[in-house]
Protein backbone atom coordinates (compact mmCIF):
# COMPACT_ATOMS: atom_id res chain seq x y z
CA UNK A 1 -1.18 7.34 15.98
CA UNK A 2 1.75 4.97 16.52
CA UNK A 3 5.18 6.04 15.27
CA UNK A 4 6.46 3.18 13.12
CA UNK A 5 10.03 2.24 12.29
CA UNK A 6 11.17 0.86 8.97
CA UNK A 7 14.56 -0.82 9.37
CA UNK A 8 16.56 -1.81 6.30
CA UNK A 9 20.06 -3.29 6.26
CA UNK A 10 22.29 -1.35 3.86
CA UNK A 11 23.71 -3.32 0.90
CA UNK A 12 22.99 -6.43 2.95
CA UNK A 13 24.82 -9.13 0.99
CA UNK A 14 27.85 -6.92 0.40
CA UNK A 15 27.85 -5.70 4.02
CA UNK A 16 27.88 -9.28 5.33
CA UNK A 17 30.69 -10.22 2.95
CA UNK A 18 32.72 -7.19 4.09
CA UNK A 19 32.64 -8.12 7.77
CA UNK A 20 35.63 -10.42 7.32
CA UNK A 21 37.27 -8.00 4.89
CA UNK A 22 37.44 -4.65 6.69
CA UNK A 23 40.33 -3.52 4.48
CA UNK A 24 37.88 -3.37 1.56
CA UNK A 25 35.24 -1.16 3.21
CA UNK A 26 36.22 2.03 1.37
CA UNK A 27 36.64 0.29 -1.97
CA UNK A 28 33.85 -0.51 -4.46
CA UNK A 29 32.66 -4.03 -3.57
CA UNK A 30 29.81 -6.20 -4.83
CA UNK A 31 28.48 -9.61 -3.91
CA UNK A 32 27.63 -11.82 -6.85
CA UNK A 33 25.88 -15.09 -7.59
CA UNK A 34 27.54 -16.56 -10.68
CA UNK A 35 27.26 -13.80 -13.32
CA UNK A 36 24.77 -11.51 -11.54
CA UNK A 37 25.44 -8.76 -8.99
CA UNK A 38 23.21 -9.31 -5.96
CA UNK A 39 24.34 -6.35 -3.85
CA UNK A 40 26.79 -3.45 -4.18
CA UNK A 41 28.19 -1.21 -1.48
CA UNK A 42 27.86 2.57 -1.79
CA UNK A 43 31.32 3.23 -3.29
CA UNK A 44 30.37 0.73 -6.01
CA UNK A 45 26.95 2.30 -6.51
CA UNK A 46 28.62 5.68 -6.99
CA UNK A 47 30.46 4.11 -9.94
CA UNK A 48 27.25 2.84 -11.56
CA UNK A 49 27.17 -0.70 -10.13
CA UNK A 50 23.78 -1.99 -8.99
CA UNK A 51 22.01 -5.24 -8.15
CA UNK A 52 20.71 -7.46 -10.98
CA UNK A 53 23.56 -6.19 -13.18
CA UNK A 54 25.77 -8.62 -15.07
CA UNK A 55 29.18 -8.94 -13.44
CA UNK A 56 30.83 -8.25 -16.81
CA UNK A 57 28.89 -4.98 -17.16
CA UNK A 58 29.70 -4.02 -13.57
CA UNK A 59 33.43 -4.56 -14.16
CA UNK A 60 33.23 -2.54 -17.36
CA UNK A 61 31.63 0.34 -15.46
CA UNK A 62 34.03 0.01 -12.53
CA UNK A 63 37.26 -1.87 -13.39
CA UNK A 64 38.54 -1.68 -9.80
CA UNK A 65 35.38 -3.36 -8.46
CA UNK A 66 36.05 -6.21 -6.01
CA UNK A 67 33.53 -9.01 -6.62
CA UNK A 68 32.87 -11.55 -3.86
CA UNK A 69 30.78 -14.70 -4.09
CA UNK A 70 27.60 -14.48 -2.01
CA UNK A 71 28.31 -16.06 1.42
CA UNK A 72 24.89 -17.75 1.53
CA UNK A 73 25.23 -19.52 4.89
CA UNK A 74 26.49 -16.33 6.55
CA UNK A 75 23.67 -14.34 4.93
CA UNK A 76 21.00 -16.64 6.36
CA UNK A 77 22.54 -16.68 9.85
CA UNK A 78 22.88 -12.89 9.89
CA UNK A 79 19.30 -12.39 8.73
CA UNK A 80 18.05 -14.65 11.55
CA UNK A 81 20.15 -12.74 14.08
CA UNK A 82 18.90 -9.40 12.73
CA UNK A 83 15.29 -10.44 13.27
CA UNK A 84 16.16 -11.64 16.77
CA UNK A 85 17.17 -8.04 17.51
CA UNK A 86 13.95 -6.74 15.93
CA UNK A 87 11.79 -9.02 18.08
CA UNK A 88 13.75 -8.16 21.19
CA UNK A 89 13.19 -4.43 20.70
CA UNK A 90 9.70 -4.20 19.18
CA UNK A 91 6.30 -5.38 20.33
CA UNK A 92 5.27 -6.12 16.72
CA UNK A 93 7.43 -6.95 13.69
CA UNK A 94 6.22 -7.22 10.09
CA UNK A 95 8.92 -8.69 7.83
CA UNK A 96 9.49 -7.07 4.46
CA UNK A 97 12.35 -9.27 3.27
CA UNK A 98 15.25 -11.11 4.87
CA UNK A 99 16.94 -7.80 5.75
CA UNK A 100 14.10 -5.35 6.37
CA UNK A 101 11.01 -5.00 8.55
CA UNK A 102 8.47 -2.60 9.98
CA UNK A 103 8.56 -2.29 13.77
CA UNK A 104 6.04 -1.04 16.32
CA UNK A 105 8.09 -0.08 19.36
CA UNK A 106 5.08 0.95 21.46
CA UNK A 107 5.12 4.74 21.25
CA UNK A 108 3.26 7.46 19.39
CA UNK A 109 6.10 9.95 19.99
CA UNK A 110 8.41 10.20 16.95
CA UNK A 111 11.21 11.41 19.21
CA UNK A 112 10.97 8.33 21.43
CA UNK A 113 10.76 6.09 18.37
CA UNK A 114 13.91 7.73 17.01
CA UNK A 115 15.72 7.03 20.29
CA UNK A 116 14.80 3.36 19.95
CA UNK A 117 15.98 3.47 16.35
CA UNK A 118 19.36 4.88 17.36
CA UNK A 119 19.74 2.16 20.00
CA UNK A 120 18.80 -0.50 17.46
CA UNK A 121 21.38 0.76 14.97
CA UNK A 122 24.12 0.72 17.61
CA UNK A 123 23.19 -2.78 18.73
CA UNK A 124 23.15 -4.20 15.21
CA UNK A 125 26.50 -2.56 14.43
CA UNK A 126 28.06 -3.95 17.63
CA UNK A 127 26.56 -7.44 17.56
CA UNK A 128 26.28 -8.15 13.82
CA UNK A 129 28.82 -5.80 12.31
CA UNK A 130 26.53 -4.45 9.59
CA UNK A 131 24.95 -1.01 9.01
CA UNK A 132 21.19 -0.50 9.04
CA UNK A 133 19.15 2.56 8.14
CA UNK A 134 16.03 3.45 10.11
CA UNK A 135 13.06 5.55 9.12
CA UNK A 136 10.35 6.84 11.46
CA UNK A 137 6.91 7.70 10.16
CA UNK A 138 3.20 7.61 10.88
CA UNK A 139 2.36 4.93 8.29
CA UNK A 140 4.28 2.15 6.58
CA UNK A 141 4.76 4.19 3.41
CA UNK A 142 6.01 7.23 5.32
CA UNK A 143 8.36 5.10 7.45
CA UNK A 144 9.74 3.45 4.29
CA UNK A 145 10.28 6.83 2.64
CA UNK A 146 12.09 7.92 5.82
CA UNK A 147 14.45 4.94 5.72
CA UNK A 148 15.23 5.70 2.08
CA UNK A 149 16.15 9.24 3.09
CA UNK A 150 18.30 7.85 5.92
CA UNK A 151 20.54 5.78 3.65
CA UNK A 152 23.30 5.00 3.91
CA UNK A 153 23.72 4.04 7.55
CA UNK A 154 21.52 6.72 9.10
CA UNK A 155 18.20 7.57 10.73
CA UNK A 156 15.55 9.95 9.49
CA UNK A 157 12.25 11.08 11.01
CA UNK A 158 9.50 12.38 8.76
CA UNK A 159 7.66 14.88 10.92
CA UNK A 160 4.15 16.25 10.36
CA UNK A 161 5.33 19.15 8.18
CA UNK A 162 7.43 16.96 5.90
CA UNK A 163 4.65 14.38 5.70
CA UNK A 164 2.14 17.03 4.63
CA UNK A 165 4.50 18.16 1.88
CA UNK A 166 5.09 14.58 0.71
CA UNK A 167 1.37 13.88 0.52
CA UNK A 168 1.20 16.60 -2.13
CA UNK A 169 4.60 16.54 -3.82
CA UNK A 170 5.69 12.87 -3.68
CA UNK A 171 6.52 11.76 -7.26
CA UNK A 172 4.37 8.89 -8.46
CA UNK A 173 7.55 6.94 -9.24
CA UNK A 174 8.54 7.07 -5.55
CA UNK A 175 5.33 5.51 -4.25
CA UNK A 176 6.06 2.09 -2.76
CA UNK A 177 4.23 -0.61 -4.72
CA UNK A 178 3.63 1.41 -7.90
CA UNK A 179 5.15 -0.58 -10.75
CA UNK A 180 6.01 0.43 -14.33
CA UNK A 181 2.57 -0.38 -15.76
CA UNK A 182 0.69 1.60 -13.12
CA UNK A 183 3.20 4.43 -13.47
CA UNK A 184 2.51 4.60 -17.21
CA UNK A 185 -1.24 4.72 -16.59
CA UNK A 186 -0.80 7.50 -14.05
CA UNK A 187 1.27 9.48 -16.56
CA UNK A 188 -1.58 9.18 -19.07
CA UNK A 189 -3.85 10.69 -16.43
CA UNK A 190 -1.39 13.50 -15.77
CA UNK A 191 -0.55 12.17 -12.30
CA UNK A 192 3.17 12.86 -11.92
CA UNK A 193 2.94 13.42 -8.16
CA UNK A 194 0.44 12.21 -5.60
CA UNK A 195 -1.36 15.57 -5.32
CA UNK A 196 -2.28 15.42 -9.00
CA UNK A 197 -4.95 12.80 -8.30
CA UNK A 198 -7.08 15.63 -6.91
CA UNK A 199 -7.81 16.53 -10.53
CA UNK A 200 -8.70 13.00 -11.65
CA UNK A 201 -12.32 11.81 -11.28
CA UNK A 202 -12.58 8.78 -8.98
CA UNK A 203 -14.19 6.62 -11.66
CA UNK A 204 -11.44 7.41 -14.16
CA UNK A 205 -8.66 6.65 -11.65
CA UNK A 206 -10.34 3.36 -10.79
CA UNK A 207 -10.81 2.43 -14.44
CA UNK A 208 -7.14 3.06 -15.26
CA UNK A 209 -5.48 1.68 -12.13
CA UNK A 210 -7.96 -0.80 -10.70
CA UNK A 211 -10.06 -0.57 -7.55
CA UNK A 212 -7.39 -1.50 -5.00
CA UNK A 213 -4.66 0.77 -6.39
CA UNK A 214 -7.06 3.68 -6.85
CA UNK A 215 -8.19 3.30 -3.24
CA UNK A 216 -4.61 3.12 -2.01
CA UNK A 217 -3.59 6.24 -3.92
CA UNK A 218 -6.53 8.17 -2.47
CA UNK A 219 -5.59 6.98 1.02
CA UNK A 220 -1.99 8.08 0.55
CA UNK A 221 -3.20 11.51 -0.58
CA UNK A 222 -5.57 11.77 2.40
CA UNK A 223 -3.16 10.37 5.00
CA UNK A 224 -5.25 7.30 5.77
CA UNK A 225 -2.91 4.72 4.22
CA UNK A 226 -1.85 1.51 5.96
CA UNK A 227 -0.32 1.81 9.43
CA UNK A 228 -1.26 -1.69 10.66
CA UNK A 229 1.55 -4.18 11.09
CA UNK A 230 0.91 -7.81 10.25
CA UNK A 231 3.34 -10.00 12.16
CA UNK A 232 4.19 -13.56 11.27
CA UNK A 233 3.08 -15.06 14.56
CA UNK A 234 3.73 -18.67 13.70
CA UNK A 235 6.41 -19.52 11.21
CA UNK A 236 5.33 -22.50 9.14
CA UNK A 237 8.25 -22.72 6.67
CA UNK A 238 11.98 -22.11 6.69
CA UNK A 239 14.16 -22.04 3.56
CA UNK A 240 17.81 -22.28 2.64
CA UNK A 241 19.36 -22.48 -0.77
CA UNK A 242 21.76 -21.03 -3.25
CA UNK A 243 23.16 -21.00 -6.75
CA UNK A 244 24.64 -24.00 -8.49
CA UNK A 245 27.25 -21.70 -10.05
CA UNK A 246 29.06 -19.10 -7.97
CA UNK A 247 31.39 -16.25 -8.73
CA UNK A 248 35.01 -17.47 -8.96
CA UNK A 249 34.22 -20.78 -7.25
CA UNK A 250 33.69 -24.31 -8.42
CA UNK A 251 30.13 -25.13 -9.46
CA UNK A 252 28.14 -27.35 -7.12
CA UNK A 253 26.15 -30.41 -8.07
CA UNK A 254 22.43 -30.39 -7.17
CA UNK A 255 23.08 -33.09 -4.56
CA UNK A 256 25.93 -31.16 -2.95
CA UNK A 257 23.92 -27.93 -2.84
CA UNK A 258 20.86 -29.77 -1.47
CA UNK A 259 22.99 -31.36 1.26
CA UNK A 260 24.45 -27.99 2.27
CA UNK A 261 21.04 -26.33 2.21
CA UNK A 262 19.40 -29.06 4.30
CA UNK A 263 22.15 -28.69 6.89
CA UNK A 264 21.67 -24.90 7.09
CA UNK A 265 17.87 -25.12 7.24
CA UNK A 266 17.98 -27.79 9.95
CA UNK A 267 20.51 -25.80 11.97
CA UNK A 268 18.26 -22.73 11.89
CA UNK A 269 15.19 -24.82 12.80
CA UNK A 270 17.04 -26.35 15.73
CA UNK A 271 18.19 -22.91 16.86
CA UNK A 272 14.57 -21.71 16.82
CA UNK A 273 13.28 -24.81 18.63
CA UNK A 274 11.25 -25.94 15.61
CA UNK A 275 10.73 -29.28 13.90
CA UNK A 276 9.38 -29.91 10.39
CA UNK A 277 7.01 -32.52 9.05
CA UNK A 278 7.78 -31.95 5.35
CA UNK A 279 10.47 -30.92 2.91
CA UNK A 280 10.15 -29.19 -0.47
CA UNK A 281 12.89 -28.89 -3.06
CA UNK A 282 12.46 -26.00 -5.49
CA UNK A 283 14.56 -26.28 -8.63
CA UNK A 284 15.00 -23.32 -10.98
CA UNK A 285 16.29 -24.35 -14.45
CA UNK A 286 19.37 -22.56 -15.74
CA UNK A 287 17.74 -20.98 -18.78
CA UNK A 288 14.32 -20.25 -17.37
CA UNK A 289 11.39 -22.55 -17.90
CA UNK A 290 9.05 -24.19 -15.44
CA UNK A 291 10.04 -24.22 -11.79
CA UNK A 292 10.16 -27.78 -10.42
CA UNK A 293 8.95 -28.57 -6.92
CA UNK A 294 9.55 -31.92 -5.23
CA UNK A 295 7.90 -32.71 -1.89
CA UNK A 296 7.95 -35.38 0.77
CA UNK A 297 6.78 -35.69 4.38
CA UNK A 298 8.01 -37.76 7.30
CA UNK A 299 5.71 -39.39 9.88
CA UNK A 300 7.66 -37.87 12.78
CA UNK A 301 8.53 -34.15 12.66
CA UNK A 302 12.25 -33.51 13.03
CA UNK A 303 14.97 -30.91 12.56
CA UNK A 304 17.66 -33.52 12.02
CA UNK A 305 19.80 -33.06 8.92
CA UNK A 306 20.66 -36.76 9.16
CA UNK A 307 16.99 -37.56 8.52
CA UNK A 308 16.15 -34.85 5.96
CA UNK A 309 19.29 -35.18 3.80
CA UNK A 310 18.39 -38.68 2.53
CA UNK A 311 14.90 -37.38 1.72
CA UNK A 312 16.36 -34.61 -0.43
CA UNK A 313 18.82 -36.90 -2.21
CA UNK A 314 16.08 -39.48 -2.92
CA UNK A 315 13.84 -36.78 -4.41
CA UNK A 316 16.66 -35.66 -6.71
CA UNK A 317 17.56 -39.22 -7.68
CA UNK A 318 13.96 -39.97 -8.66
CA UNK A 319 13.69 -36.91 -10.91
CA UNK A 320 15.14 -35.99 -14.27
CA UNK A 321 16.92 -32.86 -13.09
CA UNK A 322 17.74 -30.30 -15.81
CA UNK A 323 20.69 -27.92 -15.67
CA UNK A 324 19.87 -25.69 -12.71
CA UNK A 325 20.37 -22.06 -11.78
CA UNK A 326 19.31 -22.30 -8.13
CA UNK A 327 18.08 -24.88 -5.65
CA UNK A 328 16.10 -24.13 -2.49
CA UNK A 329 15.27 -26.44 0.40
CA UNK A 330 12.17 -25.56 2.42
CA UNK A 331 11.24 -27.24 5.67
CA UNK A 332 7.44 -27.19 5.94
CA UNK A 333 4.84 -27.80 8.62
CA UNK A 334 7.04 -26.22 11.28
CA UNK A 335 5.96 -26.50 14.89
CA UNK A 336 7.53 -26.16 18.30
CA UNK A 337 9.63 -29.17 19.23
CA UNK A 338 8.05 -29.08 22.70
CA UNK A 339 4.56 -29.59 21.26
CA UNK A 340 5.35 -32.76 19.35
CA UNK A 341 4.10 -35.89 21.06
CA UNK A 342 6.60 -38.75 21.01
CA UNK A 343 5.80 -41.76 18.82
CA UNK A 344 4.65 -44.67 20.96
CA UNK A 345 4.95 -47.46 18.41
C-alpha cells in the first residue's frame, strides 16, 4: 500500500501576507476581503479569530488584531509556485484546493515518505517563505487526519497502530466529508465515533445516510477507504479574481477588477505555456442572488491580456451589472501553445 502525503499550507492567505511583514509574525494577524476574515494566523486563532468571521467581530474578540487586505495577485502566484514544487517532488498530485494536495511520492514506506515530506517543507519554506504541514497515511482520509495533527508547521505520520485506533475511535465529527446534516443523522443512530457503525444494520445506515455515504463509512471502518489519487492531467481552465471592496482600500469598479484579473490570468497562462480559446466572467452580486456568467470565445487561442481585456470590458458594457461582491475571470479551453496551428488566412 502506497504511503500518501497530504500537504496543506498553514493559514495560507495570512502567511502570504506576512512574508513582507516579518515583524508581525508573532502578533495576531488576519487577511480580510472587505468585511470578512479569510485567514487568520495561529496567534489570532488562539484569541478566537477564524475564517468567515466578520472583521468587526474579530476585532471585538481580539482588539490588537492586525488586519491586512488579501493580496490576491500574490496569493495566486504563490499557489502556482506551491504546486510547481508538488509536481517536482511527487509522481502524482491530486489538488484539494489552491493551497493543499495529496501526493504520491512513489514509496510504500511511511518513513521514506516522511523524509520526502521533511524535504518538501524545507523547500517550500526556503523558496516561498510560507509554512506547510504534512501528513503521512495509508489512505487520503488518514493522510488528511495526519496533516491536521501536524499543524501548525509540522509533520505527522499515522502508523499502523494509530490508524487501527482511529478506525474505532475517530469521532464522527472529524470524518472528512461528513457535514452537519449527516452528522445529525449519525447521532440519531447513536454513531458518535466510527466504530459505532458496527451496531447499526446496513439497511438502516443506508436509509439514514444514503448509499454512497453509508458505503464510505463502512470502508473507513474496514480500512478500505479511498487511496487512489486523481490528478488533473490536463488543465482546461484557469481563474483569477477578487473582491470589489477590500479591507482598508479603495473599492474597485467591475471594469478595473476585470482588467487586473485578466492580466493575472494571462500571466499565469503564459508562464504555464498555455493559450485559451474562451473567457468567462463570473459576477457575484453584493447581497446574494443569482450568479451571473458572461462568456465569449475568440477564433484564435491566445494568452494575451491585450486581446482578452477588450473582451472582458465589452461583456461588462453589454450587461446590466448589479452591485457586486466578487468578480472572477476564467480562461477556458486551455491548450498548449505549441499545439496551436497558426491561422493561415
